[in-house]
Amino acid sequence: MQMHSGNFVVVSYQEAFRAREGITQSVCLPHGWQGTIVVLEWNTDRPLNTLAVYRSWPDSEGPLP
């Protein structure tokens, strides 16, 4: 999400986490959400280089070819 100016939000019951533009926030909500919701937003007008995204992930079994 950071590579493409996206927004990542997770809300679960009375807690929320947001990551946007290199800033992360964690807050308690005054009213609970009954369950968990995950929101991913990114600009679809920008091409997404999926290989660059996968290569940026932590590696557990060796590098990608």
Protein backbone atom coordinates (compact mmCIF):
# COMPACT_ATOMS: atom_id res chain seq x y z
CA MET A 1 0.00 0.00 0.00
CA GLN A 2 2.86 2.37 0.78
CA MET A 3 4.48 1.82 -2.61
CA HIS A 4 1.38 3.16 -4.38
CA SER A 5 0.08 5.84 -2.00
CA GLY A 6 -2.59 3.54 -0.65
CA ASN A 7 -4.56 3.39 2.55
CA PHE A 8 -4.83 0.34 4.82
CA VAL A 9 -7.41 0.20 7.62
CA VAL A 10 -8.33 -2.59 10.03
CA VAL A 11 -11.22 -2.15 12.45
CA SER A 12 -12.05 -4.82 15.00
CA TYR A 13 -14.56 -4.21 17.77
CA GLN A 14 -13.34 -1.03 19.51
CA GLU A 15 -9.87 -0.81 17.97
CA ALA A 16 -8.74 0.62 14.65
CA PHE A 17 -5.39 0.60 12.86
CA ARG A 18 -4.53 2.77 9.85
CA ALA A 19 -1.43 3.02 7.66
CA ARG A 20 -1.26 5.82 5.10
CA GLU A 21 1.58 7.87 3.62
CA GLY A 22 4.13 6.26 5.94
CA ILE A 23 2.13 7.13 9.06
CA THR A 24 0.51 4.48 11.23
CA GLN A 25 -2.19 5.14 13.78
CA SER A 26 -3.88 2.93 16.33
CA VAL A 27 -6.97 4.23 18.11
CA CYS A 28 -9.77 3.10 20.39
CA LEU A 29 -13.23 3.78 19.02
CA PRO A 30 -16.09 5.14 21.12
CA HIS A 31 -18.53 2.65 19.56
CA GLY A 32 -17.66 -0.96 18.78
CA TRP A 33 -17.80 -2.64 15.37
CA GLN A 34 -19.30 -6.10 15.69
CA GLY A 35 -16.57 -8.07 13.96
CA THR A 36 -13.54 -7.17 11.86
CA ILE A 37 -13.27 -5.22 8.63
CA VAL A 38 -10.19 -4.70 6.46
CA VAL A 39 -10.10 -1.87 3.91
CA LEU A 40 -7.44 -1.60 1.18
CA GLU A 41 -7.47 1.47 -1.04
CA TRP A 42 -5.04 2.39 -3.80
CA ASN A 43 -5.02 4.53 -6.90
CA THR A 44 -5.96 2.26 -9.79
CA ASP A 45 -4.86 4.94 -12.28
CA ARG A 46 -1.23 4.11 -11.38
CA PRO A 47 0.17 0.86 -12.78
CA LEU A 48 0.95 -1.67 -10.06
CA ASN A 49 4.30 -3.43 -10.39
CA THR A 50 3.37 -6.70 -8.68
CA LEU A 51 6.91 -8.09 -8.97
CA ALA A 52 8.25 -5.09 -7.02
CA VAL A 53 5.53 -5.62 -4.41
CA TYR A 54 6.36 -9.32 -3.98
CA ARG A 55 10.09 -8.61 -3.85
CA SER A 56 9.52 -6.10 -1.04
CA TRP A 57 7.92 -8.76 1.19
CA PRO A 58 10.01 -10.44 3.89
CA ASP A 59 11.63 -13.55 2.49
CA SER A 60 11.21 -16.87 4.27
CA GLU A 61 12.28 -19.35 1.57
CA GLY A 62 14.80 -17.49 -0.60
CA PRO A 63 14.65 -14.68 -3.17
CA LEU A 64 12.35 -14.58 -6.16
CA PRO A 65 14.02 -15.34 -9.52
